[in-house]
């Protein structure tokens, strides 16, 4: 292959790589920081249910 074709392929690959990085940076975690609020709340609920069942 000639150099122009290789350069075109590399440019296209770089563009695809950039788009992939943009998509990955936009993706948000499903749970994130809210897990630290959820854990104590669940623990309190389970503690309350344990006292009801006993």
C-alpha atoms as a PDB file:
ATOM      1  CA  UNK A   1       0.000   0.000   0.000  1.00  0.00           C
ATOM      2  CA  UNK A   2       1.137   3.514  -0.603  1.00  0.00           C
ATOM      3  CA  UNK A   3       1.774   6.079   2.115  1.00  0.00           C
ATOM      4  CA  UNK A   4      -1.370   8.098   1.375  1.00  0.00           C
ATOM      5  CA  UNK A   5      -3.601   5.124   1.989  1.00  0.00           C
ATOM      6  CA  UNK A   6      -1.792   4.265   5.248  1.00  0.00           C
ATOM      7  CA  UNK A   7      -2.159   7.868   6.409  1.00  0.00           C
ATOM      8  CA  UNK A   8      -5.871   7.814   5.589  1.00  0.00           C
ATOM      9  CA  UNK A   9      -6.326   4.563   7.528  1.00  0.00           C
ATOM     10  CA  UNK A  10      -4.390   5.944  10.500  1.00  0.00           C
ATOM     11  CA  UNK A  11      -6.421   9.171  10.461  1.00  0.00           C
ATOM     12  CA  UNK A  12      -9.675   7.219  10.419  1.00  0.00           C
ATOM     13  CA  UNK A  13      -8.453   4.970  13.223  1.00  0.00           C
ATOM     14  CA  UNK A  14      -7.479   8.027  15.286  1.00  0.00           C
ATOM     15  CA  UNK A  15     -10.943   9.517  14.747  1.00  0.00           C
ATOM     16  CA  UNK A  16     -12.609   6.275  15.847  1.00  0.00           C
ATOM     17  CA  UNK A  17     -10.342   6.114  18.900  1.00  0.00           C
ATOM     18  CA  UNK A  18     -11.235   9.691  19.835  1.00  0.00           C
ATOM     19  CA  UNK A  19     -14.972   8.992  19.503  1.00  0.00           C
ATOM     20  CA  UNK A  20     -14.620   5.878  21.651  1.00  0.00           C
ATOM     21  CA  UNK A  21     -12.842   7.847  24.374  1.00  0.00           C
ATOM     22  CA  UNK A  22     -15.559  10.519  24.233  1.00  0.00           C
ATOM     23  CA  UNK A  23     -18.293   7.904  24.618  1.00  0.00           C
ATOM     24  CA  UNK A  24     -16.468   6.234  27.513  1.00  0.00           C
ATOM     25  CA  UNK A  25     -16.013   9.571  29.306  1.00  0.00           C
ATOM     26  CA  UNK A  26     -19.725  10.394  28.943  1.00  0.00           C
ATOM     27  CA  UNK A  27     -20.857   7.065  30.350  1.00  0.00           C
ATOM     28  CA  UNK A  28     -21.876   7.393  33.978  1.00  0.00           C
ATOM     29  CA  UNK A  29     -21.696   4.603  36.517  1.00  0.00           C
ATOM     30  CA  UNK A  30     -25.060   3.107  37.446  1.00  0.00           C
ATOM     31  CA  UNK A  31     -24.598   3.297  41.217  1.00  0.00           C
ATOM     32  CA  UNK A  32     -21.763   5.776  41.693  1.00  0.00           C
ATOM     33  CA  UNK A  33     -21.468   7.732  44.923  1.00  0.00           C
ATOM     34  CA  UNK A  34     -25.047   7.005  45.957  1.00  0.00           C
ATOM     35  CA  UNK A  35     -23.971   3.597  47.238  1.00  0.00           C
ATOM     36  CA  UNK A  36     -22.595   5.241  50.386  1.00  0.00           C
ATOM     37  CA  UNK A  37     -26.074   6.562  51.146  1.00  0.00           C
ATOM     38  CA  UNK A  38     -27.773   3.316  50.229  1.00  0.00           C
ATOM     39  CA  UNK A  39     -25.665   1.027  52.457  1.00  0.00           C
ATOM     40  CA  UNK A  40     -26.563   2.656  55.817  1.00  0.00           C
ATOM     41  CA  UNK A  41     -30.214   3.004  54.804  1.00  0.00           C
ATOM     42  CA  UNK A  42     -30.434  -0.695  53.965  1.00  0.00           C
ATOM     43  CA  UNK A  43     -28.628  -1.572  57.209  1.00  0.00           C
ATOM     44  CA  UNK A  44     -31.120   0.482  59.240  1.00  0.00           C
ATOM     45  CA  UNK A  45     -34.076  -1.101  57.431  1.00  0.00           C
ATOM     46  CA  UNK A  46     -32.716  -4.613  58.010  1.00  0.00           C
ATOM     47  CA  UNK A  47     -32.050  -3.809  61.678  1.00  0.00           C
ATOM     48  CA  UNK A  48     -35.635  -2.562  62.012  1.00  0.00           C
ATOM     49  CA  UNK A  49     -37.016  -5.683  60.335  1.00  0.00           C
ATOM     50  CA  UNK A  50     -34.931  -7.893  62.601  1.00  0.00           C
ATOM     51  CA  UNK A  51     -36.436  -6.207  65.668  1.00  0.00           C
ATOM     52  CA  UNK A  52     -39.957  -6.653  64.278  1.00  0.00           C
ATOM     53  CA  UNK A  53     -39.486 -10.350  63.551  1.00  0.00           C
ATOM     54  CA  UNK A  54     -38.029 -11.192  66.962  1.00  0.00           C
END
